[in-house]
Amino acid sequence: MNIKSLILAIVLAVTSFAAMAITPVEVLTDLKQRIAPDKRTAVWDVKASQQSGKWVLMGTVGTQAQKKAIQAAMIKSGYSNFTDKITVLENGIPAARKWALVKLSIATLRTEPKHSAEIATQGIMGAPVKVLEKCDDWYRVQMADDYIAYVPESSLAFKTEAQMKSWRKAKRYIVTAYDSRLVTEAHGDETVSDLVMGNILELKAEAGKWLKVATPDGRSGWVDAADVAELSQWSQQGFSAAQIEKTARRMMGSSYLWGGTSTKVTDCSGLTKVSYLSNGIILQRDASQQALTGKIFKRGTDWHQFETGDLLFFGNEKTGRVTHVGIYLRDGKYIHCSGQVKINSLDPKASDYPYLYSPLSASRIKGMVGTKGITALKNHPWYF
């Protein structure tokens, strides 16, 4: 949730408490549902209890804005005399490490601060993250899609607020090729770093068909100008179902990796994220989150109504739980990552009709960029 949305939610939440006579426990429960309903995108573990006749709030939140929302809601509900023992994670991070840029072509983020933990997602070079907590050699960070996970310190280049402002104003290039390399010399073969689609590098010099660029941690090298695009110009592109389809098809046959969100390997929602990012659009991380965004088509919608680029969601028909997503192409065909990136059909009579059968729902992203959970990179304050 961006700052404007959070402030609006806080105002609405606080206003709604004015006419209610509810307990602090109910205040916290209601507020959590309003501004921090999903633990994947918000840190919120706060409890209220009475001690010696006085209400005490204890626990942890991720941001100072969340804590202020709790304080305001308590006061508005008539509980001005309470003890606040809430810890704010971001307040424990020094100014020099409030922000970071992913410095590897692909970094792995996990559900816990250890290499044996489940992969949650991936971050790619130049992706900005907000640092919430230090855990030995790991950091809990929030990504531009709001997803929260743990990443090794060795994967990050830490920045102050001033350095981030400078980075946002700098001339940067984004890798538009499926993959590329940063090399020590123009036309050379010694590698500084591998590069994948979506990596962002800062321009240092130009030499004909080659550009000298730097990684977030200051490693410099040369990249073929044909493999990159100037970020501010690239980000102005309009919605293009053709571009989204092109990227998805480019990954045909690549293997499935739970948590993968790069052109090297993806999971199902990773494929949709990578494909849409190539069109300058940031989607939510998981299929179940993506299913709540865009123009939603309910279960049973005739697939003839779908357009190229629409997201199709599959899962448990009895519970409605979404567990898989694909991208609709045309003529009943869709591309998805299940074991590998492949194309299947929604038509039961087709030979490539799979076990997934009909979707639980579908979402149209076209025409919905800028609505909840669908962000144009050019409008994301972490990038520009």
Protein backbone atom coordinates (compact mmCIF):
# COMPACT_ATOMS: atom_id res chain seq x y z
CA MET A 1 0.00 0.00 0.00
CA ASN A 2 1.51 3.36 -1.01
CA ILE A 3 1.65 6.36 1.35
CA LYS A 4 -1.40 8.14 -0.10
CA SER A 5 -3.53 5.00 0.13
CA LEU A 6 -2.33 4.33 3.66
CA ILE A 7 -3.15 7.87 4.82
CA LEU A 8 -6.60 7.65 3.25
CA ALA A 9 -7.23 4.29 4.90
CA ILE A 10 -6.09 5.68 8.24
CA VAL A 11 -8.40 8.71 7.95
CA LEU A 12 -11.37 6.54 7.04
CA ALA A 13 -10.57 4.05 9.77
CA VAL A 14 -10.16 6.67 12.46
CA THR A 15 -13.34 8.50 11.42
CA SER A 16 -15.38 5.31 11.61
CA PHE A 17 -14.39 4.78 15.25
CA ALA A 18 -15.91 8.10 16.34
CA ALA A 19 -19.47 6.85 16.63
CA MET A 20 -18.58 3.43 18.06
CA ALA A 21 -18.23 2.17 21.61
CA ILE A 22 -15.80 -0.67 21.16
CA THR A 23 -12.99 -2.21 23.17
CA PRO A 24 -9.31 -1.68 22.36
CA VAL A 25 -9.15 -5.29 21.21
CA GLU A 26 -11.88 -4.54 18.70
CA VAL A 27 -10.17 -1.28 17.71
CA LEU A 28 -7.00 -3.20 16.81
CA THR A 29 -8.87 -5.97 15.01
CA ASP A 30 -10.86 -3.53 12.91
CA LEU A 31 -7.84 -1.36 12.13
CA LYS A 32 -5.74 -4.35 11.09
CA GLN A 33 -8.41 -5.41 8.62
CA ARG A 34 -8.41 -1.93 7.15
CA ILE A 35 -4.71 -1.15 6.78
CA ALA A 36 -2.77 -4.40 7.33
CA PRO A 37 -4.97 -7.35 6.35
CA ASP A 38 -2.26 -9.35 4.55
CA LYS A 39 0.82 -10.50 6.45
CA ARG A 40 2.65 -10.83 3.14
CA THR A 41 2.58 -7.06 2.72
CA ALA A 42 2.45 -5.68 6.27
CA VAL A 43 4.07 -6.40 9.64
CA TRP A 44 1.41 -6.22 12.33
CA ASP A 45 1.38 -8.17 15.59
CA VAL A 46 -0.24 -5.99 18.23
CA LYS A 47 -2.29 -7.01 21.27
CA ALA A 48 -4.25 -5.07 23.87
CA SER A 49 -4.61 -6.11 27.50
CA GLN A 50 -5.61 -4.54 30.80
CA GLN A 51 -2.99 -4.19 33.50
CA SER A 52 -3.97 -2.63 36.83
CA GLY A 53 -7.10 -1.22 35.24
CA LYS A 54 -5.20 0.45 32.39
CA TRP A 55 -5.07 -0.63 28.75
CA VAL A 56 -1.62 -1.58 27.48
CA LEU A 57 -0.74 -2.07 23.82
CA MET A 58 2.18 -4.37 23.06
CA GLY A 59 3.66 -5.91 19.95
CA THR A 60 5.29 -4.98 16.66
CA VAL A 61 4.39 -3.06 13.51
CA GLY A 62 6.50 -2.36 10.47
CA THR A 63 6.11 1.39 10.07
CA GLN A 64 5.66 4.53 12.13
CA ALA A 65 2.55 5.34 10.08
CA GLN A 66 0.92 2.15 11.38
CA LYS A 67 1.72 3.08 14.97
CA LYS A 68 0.28 6.57 14.51
CA ALA A 69 -2.87 5.02 13.09
CA ILE A 70 -3.26 2.88 16.22
CA GLN A 71 -2.72 5.84 18.51
CA ALA A 72 -5.25 7.96 16.63
CA ALA A 73 -7.84 5.17 16.57
CA MET A 74 -7.47 4.55 20.32
CA ILE A 75 -7.90 8.25 21.15
CA LYS A 76 -10.85 8.61 18.78
CA SER A 77 -12.52 5.64 20.44
CA GLY A 78 -12.21 7.25 23.88
CA TYR A 79 -9.06 5.51 25.12
CA SER A 80 -6.65 8.43 25.52
CA ASN A 81 -5.11 7.07 28.73
CA PHE A 82 -3.33 3.96 27.50
CA THR A 83 0.24 2.69 27.62
CA ASP A 84 1.96 2.30 24.27
CA LYS A 85 4.67 -0.39 24.18
CA ILE A 86 4.52 -1.00 20.43
CA THR A 87 7.83 -1.53 18.63
CA VAL A 88 8.25 -0.07 15.14
CA LEU A 89 10.66 -2.14 13.08
CA GLU A 90 11.77 0.60 10.69
CA ASN A 91 12.75 2.85 13.63
CA GLY A 92 15.50 0.40 14.53
CA ILE A 93 17.28 0.81 11.19
CA PRO A 94 20.06 3.44 10.99
CA ALA A 95 19.62 6.23 8.44
CA ALA A 96 22.44 4.85 6.28
CA ARG A 97 20.49 1.60 5.79
CA LYS A 98 16.88 2.69 5.49
CA TRP A 99 16.93 1.85 1.79
CA ALA A 100 18.76 -0.54 -0.49
CA LEU A 101 19.02 -1.58 -4.12
CA VAL A 102 19.38 -5.21 -5.12
CA LYS A 103 22.96 -5.49 -6.39
CA LEU A 104 22.84 -8.96 -8.00
CA SER A 105 21.21 -9.76 -11.33
CA ILE A 106 18.86 -11.96 -9.31
CA ALA A 107 18.62 -12.14 -5.51
CA THR A 108 16.66 -14.74 -3.60
CA LEU A 109 14.34 -13.63 -0.81
CA ARG A 110 13.05 -16.14 1.75
CA THR A 111 10.26 -16.52 4.27
CA GLU A 112 12.74 -16.66 7.17
CA PRO A 113 16.25 -15.26 7.66
CA LYS A 114 18.11 -18.43 6.72
CA HIS A 115 19.20 -20.13 3.50
CA SER A 116 17.22 -23.28 4.31
CA ALA A 117 13.92 -21.36 4.45
CA GLU A 118 11.33 -21.46 1.68
CA ILE A 119 11.87 -19.08 -1.23
CA ALA A 120 9.32 -16.27 -1.08
CA THR A 121 10.26 -14.26 -4.15
CA GLN A 122 13.17 -12.84 -6.10
CA GLY A 123 14.53 -9.33 -6.53
CA ILE A 124 16.47 -8.17 -9.58
CA MET A 125 19.37 -5.75 -9.89
CA GLY A 126 18.38 -2.15 -9.32
CA ALA A 127 15.10 -2.99 -7.62
CA PRO A 128 14.59 -0.62 -4.65
CA VAL A 129 13.64 -2.08 -1.28
CA LYS A 130 12.68 -0.51 2.02
CA VAL A 131 14.60 -1.99 4.95
CA LEU A 132 12.49 -2.94 7.96
CA GLU A 133 14.66 -5.10 10.21
CA LYS A 134 18.17 -6.50 10.59
CA CYS A 135 18.46 -10.17 11.53
CA ASP A 136 22.18 -11.01 11.85
CA ASP A 137 23.39 -11.29 8.23
CA TRP A 138 19.86 -10.98 6.84
CA TYR A 139 17.44 -8.10 6.40
CA ARG A 140 13.66 -8.08 6.32
CA VAL A 141 12.71 -5.79 3.45
CA GLN A 142 9.61 -4.56 1.68
CA MET A 143 9.64 -4.55 -2.11
CA ALA A 144 7.98 -2.18 -4.57
CA ASP A 145 4.99 -4.55 -4.86
CA ASP A 146 4.67 -4.33 -1.02
CA TYR A 147 5.81 -7.94 -0.55
CA ILE A 148 7.87 -8.53 2.61
CA ALA A 149 10.62 -11.16 2.86
CA TYR A 150 14.17 -11.77 4.06
CA VAL A 151 17.29 -11.25 1.93
CA PRO A 152 21.00 -11.80 2.70
CA GLU A 153 23.01 -8.66 3.40
CA SER A 154 25.37 -9.68 0.60
CA SER A 155 22.60 -9.16 -1.99
CA LEU A 156 22.03 -5.48 -1.17
CA ALA A 157 23.67 -2.12 -1.75
CA PHE A 158 22.46 0.10 1.09
CA LYS A 159 21.48 3.72 0.48
CA THR A 160 20.56 6.78 2.50
CA GLU A 161 17.45 8.77 1.61
CA ALA A 162 19.68 11.34 -0.09
CA GLN A 163 21.43 8.65 -2.13
CA MET A 164 18.08 7.23 -3.21
CA LYS A 165 16.94 10.68 -4.35
CA SER A 166 20.14 11.00 -6.36
CA TRP A 167 19.60 7.56 -7.90
CA ARG A 168 16.04 8.45 -8.92
CA LYS A 169 17.31 11.55 -10.72
CA ALA A 170 20.24 9.81 -12.39
CA LYS A 171 20.18 8.65 -16.01
CA ARG A 172 19.52 4.94 -15.78
CA TYR A 173 19.10 2.13 -18.24
CA ILE A 174 16.91 -0.94 -17.94
CA VAL A 175 17.80 -4.27 -19.52
CA THR A 176 15.20 -5.07 -22.17
CA ALA A 177 16.93 -8.12 -23.64
CA TYR A 178 15.92 -11.49 -22.26
CA ASP A 179 19.44 -11.75 -20.85
CA SER A 180 22.75 -9.95 -21.36
CA ARG A 181 26.14 -9.35 -19.78
CA LEU A 182 28.08 -6.50 -18.24
CA VAL A 183 31.66 -6.81 -19.47
CA THR A 184 34.94 -5.14 -18.55
CA GLU A 185 35.55 -3.67 -22.02
CA ALA A 186 33.38 -2.77 -24.98
CA HIS A 187 33.31 -5.81 -27.26
CA GLY A 188 35.15 -7.70 -24.51
CA ASP A 189 34.39 -11.12 -23.07
CA GLU A 190 35.37 -10.80 -19.39
CA THR A 191 32.21 -10.62 -17.31
CA VAL A 192 31.48 -8.16 -14.52
CA SER A 193 27.97 -9.50 -14.00
CA ASP A 194 25.28 -11.42 -15.81
CA LEU A 195 22.16 -9.37 -16.55
CA VAL A 196 18.49 -10.28 -16.94
CA MET A 197 15.47 -8.42 -18.23
CA GLY A 198 14.44 -5.69 -15.80
CA ASN A 199 17.88 -5.01 -14.28
CA ILE A 200 18.53 -1.29 -13.81
CA LEU A 201 21.99 0.25 -14.21
CA GLU A 202 23.27 3.83 -13.88
CA LEU A 203 24.85 5.44 -16.93
CA LYS A 204 28.49 6.56 -16.69
CA ALA A 205 29.59 7.08 -20.32
CA GLU A 206 28.65 6.37 -23.93
CA ALA A 207 30.83 4.99 -26.71
CA GLY A 208 28.89 4.36 -29.89
CA LYS A 209 26.96 1.13 -29.62
CA TRP A 210 28.24 0.50 -26.10
CA LEU A 211 27.33 2.11 -22.78
CA LYS A 212 29.44 2.27 -19.66
CA VAL A 213 27.15 1.66 -16.69
CA ALA A 214 27.41 0.88 -12.99
CA THR A 215 25.67 -1.62 -10.77
CA PRO A 216 24.05 -0.43 -7.50
CA ASP A 217 27.20 -1.38 -5.56
CA GLY A 218 29.49 0.58 -7.89
CA ARG A 219 30.88 -2.11 -10.18
CA SER A 220 31.29 -0.62 -13.62
CA GLY A 221 31.38 -2.21 -17.04
CA TRP A 222 30.07 -2.03 -20.58
CA VAL A 223 26.77 -3.23 -21.99
CA ASP A 224 25.57 -3.47 -25.58
CA ALA A 225 23.23 -0.50 -26.16
CA ALA A 226 20.91 -2.81 -28.10
CA ASP A 227 20.19 -4.75 -24.88
CA VAL A 228 18.98 -1.79 -22.82
CA ALA A 229 16.69 1.25 -22.91
CA GLU A 230 16.81 4.58 -21.14
CA LEU A 231 14.57 4.04 -18.12
CA SER A 232 12.54 7.25 -18.12
CA GLN A 233 11.71 6.89 -21.83
CA TRP A 234 11.06 3.15 -21.60
CA SER A 235 8.67 3.66 -18.68
CA GLN A 236 6.40 5.88 -20.82
CA GLN A 237 5.24 2.96 -22.98
CA GLY A 238 1.51 2.35 -23.16
CA PHE A 239 -0.27 -0.90 -22.40
CA SER A 240 0.82 -3.55 -24.88
CA ALA A 241 -0.69 -7.04 -24.80
CA ALA A 242 1.74 -7.90 -27.60
CA GLN A 243 4.75 -7.04 -25.40
CA ILE A 244 3.35 -9.05 -22.49
CA GLU A 245 2.73 -12.05 -24.75
CA LYS A 246 6.17 -11.72 -26.36
CA THR A 247 7.92 -11.90 -22.99
CA ALA A 248 5.84 -14.84 -21.79
CA ARG A 249 6.46 -16.77 -25.02
CA ARG A 250 10.19 -16.01 -24.77
CA MET A 251 10.16 -18.09 -21.58
CA MET A 252 8.48 -21.12 -23.15
CA GLY A 253 9.96 -24.34 -21.84
CA SER A 254 11.81 -22.75 -18.92
CA SER A 255 11.47 -24.61 -15.64
CA TYR A 256 9.28 -23.89 -12.63
CA LEU A 257 10.78 -22.62 -9.38
CA TRP A 258 8.63 -21.81 -6.38
CA GLY A 259 9.28 -18.13 -5.65
CA GLY A 260 10.92 -17.46 -9.03
CA THR A 261 10.24 -14.02 -10.51
CA SER A 262 12.94 -13.58 -13.14
CA THR A 263 13.52 -14.53 -16.75
CA LYS A 264 15.75 -17.41 -15.63
CA VAL A 265 13.09 -19.29 -13.68
CA THR A 266 9.60 -18.45 -12.43
CA ASP A 267 6.60 -19.81 -10.66
CA CYS A 268 3.11 -19.17 -12.06
CA SER A 269 2.62 -15.66 -10.67
CA GLY A 270 6.29 -14.92 -11.32
CA LEU A 271 5.63 -15.44 -15.03
CA THR A 272 2.80 -12.92 -14.98
CA LYS A 273 4.92 -10.42 -13.01
CA VAL A 274 7.91 -10.72 -15.35
CA SER A 275 5.71 -10.46 -18.44
CA TYR A 276 3.89 -7.38 -17.19
CA LEU A 277 7.07 -5.74 -15.90
CA SER A 278 8.43 -5.86 -19.45
CA ASN A 279 5.50 -3.54 -20.24
CA GLY A 280 6.35 -1.25 -17.30
CA ILE A 281 3.63 -2.58 -15.00
CA ILE A 282 4.17 -3.86 -11.44
CA LEU A 283 1.71 -6.57 -10.36
CA GLN A 284 1.23 -8.04 -6.90
CA ARG A 285 3.45 -10.99 -6.02
CA ASP A 286 1.12 -13.96 -5.55
CA ALA A 287 -1.70 -15.35 -7.69
CA SER A 288 -4.21 -14.96 -4.84
CA GLN A 289 -3.26 -11.26 -4.59
CA GLN A 290 -3.39 -10.70 -8.34
CA ALA A 291 -6.87 -12.25 -8.39
CA LEU A 292 -8.17 -9.34 -6.31
CA THR A 293 -6.99 -6.70 -8.78
CA GLY A 294 -8.12 -5.35 -12.13
CA LYS A 295 -11.52 -5.79 -13.75
CA ILE A 296 -12.69 -9.11 -12.35
CA PHE A 297 -14.65 -11.67 -14.34
CA LYS A 298 -16.44 -14.17 -12.14
CA ARG A 299 -16.32 -17.92 -12.47
CA GLY A 300 -18.33 -19.21 -15.38
CA THR A 301 -17.51 -16.33 -17.72
CA ASP A 302 -17.42 -17.53 -21.33
CA TRP A 303 -13.77 -17.57 -22.39
CA HIS A 304 -14.74 -15.95 -25.67
CA GLN A 305 -15.04 -12.72 -23.65
CA PHE A 306 -11.38 -12.77 -22.64
CA GLU A 307 -8.69 -10.64 -24.29
CA THR A 308 -4.97 -11.19 -24.76
CA GLY A 309 -3.22 -10.29 -21.52
CA ASP A 310 -6.12 -11.11 -19.19
CA LEU A 311 -5.07 -13.11 -16.14
CA LEU A 312 -6.80 -16.44 -15.53
CA PHE A 313 -6.97 -17.83 -11.99
CA PHE A 314 -7.34 -21.48 -11.05
CA GLY A 315 -7.66 -23.33 -7.75
CA ASN A 316 -10.02 -25.15 -5.44
CA GLU A 317 -13.56 -25.03 -6.87
CA LYS A 318 -15.16 -25.83 -3.51
CA THR A 319 -13.36 -23.22 -1.42
CA GLY A 320 -12.58 -20.71 -4.16
CA ARG A 321 -8.94 -20.60 -3.04
CA VAL A 322 -6.69 -19.38 -5.87
CA THR A 323 -3.49 -21.39 -6.34
CA HIS A 324 -2.49 -20.78 -9.97
CA VAL A 325 -2.51 -18.08 -12.64
CA GLY A 326 -1.95 -17.90 -16.39
CA ILE A 327 -2.07 -15.30 -19.16
CA TYR A 328 -4.80 -15.55 -21.77
CA LEU A 329 -3.63 -15.46 -25.38
CA ARG A 330 -6.46 -16.02 -27.88
CA ASP A 331 -8.78 -18.72 -29.24
CA GLY A 332 -9.05 -20.31 -25.80
CA LYS A 333 -5.29 -20.64 -25.36
CA TYR A 334 -3.33 -19.41 -22.35
CA ILE A 335 0.31 -19.50 -21.29
CA HIS A 336 1.32 -20.45 -17.75
CA CYS A 337 4.10 -21.98 -15.67
CA SER A 338 3.20 -25.41 -14.30
CA GLY A 339 6.25 -27.64 -14.26
CA GLN A 340 7.48 -25.49 -17.12
CA VAL A 341 6.21 -22.53 -19.11
CA LYS A 342 3.73 -23.92 -21.63
CA ILE A 343 0.49 -23.25 -23.47
CA ASN A 344 -2.80 -24.98 -22.76
CA SER A 345 -6.44 -24.55 -23.75
CA LEU A 346 -9.64 -23.63 -21.95
CA ASP A 347 -11.61 -25.64 -24.50
CA PRO A 348 -12.50 -29.11 -23.08
CA LYS A 349 -12.52 -30.48 -26.63
CA ALA A 350 -8.92 -29.41 -27.30
CA SER A 351 -6.07 -31.91 -27.10
CA ASP A 352 -4.12 -29.55 -24.82
CA TYR A 353 -6.94 -29.11 -22.32
CA PRO A 354 -5.23 -29.78 -18.94
CA TYR A 355 -6.25 -30.94 -15.51
CA LEU A 356 -6.78 -27.30 -14.47
CA TYR A 357 -10.13 -27.14 -16.31
CA SER A 358 -12.02 -23.82 -16.14
CA PRO A 359 -10.72 -20.80 -14.20
CA LEU A 360 -12.23 -19.65 -10.92
CA SER A 361 -12.03 -16.06 -12.16
CA ALA A 362 -10.17 -13.76 -14.51
CA SER A 363 -8.83 -10.22 -14.25
CA ARG A 364 -8.31 -7.64 -16.97
CA ILE A 365 -5.31 -5.41 -16.32
CA LYS A 366 -5.79 -3.33 -19.47
CA GLY A 367 -7.45 -0.04 -18.56
CA MET A 368 -6.91 -0.69 -14.84
CA VAL A 369 -3.30 0.44 -14.39
CA GLY A 370 -3.19 2.77 -11.41
CA THR A 371 -5.91 0.96 -9.49
CA LYS A 372 -5.23 -1.10 -6.36
CA GLY A 373 -2.40 -3.58 -6.83
CA ILE A 374 -1.55 -2.51 -10.41
CA THR A 375 1.16 0.14 -10.58
CA ALA A 376 2.89 1.77 -13.52
CA LEU A 377 6.61 1.76 -12.76
CA LYS A 378 6.80 5.37 -14.01
CA ASN A 379 4.41 6.40 -11.23
CA HIS A 380 6.04 4.45 -8.41
CA PRO A 381 7.77 6.90 -6.04
CA TRP A 382 10.54 4.43 -5.26
CA TYR A 383 11.71 4.56 -8.90
CA PHE A 384 11.07 8.20 -9.86
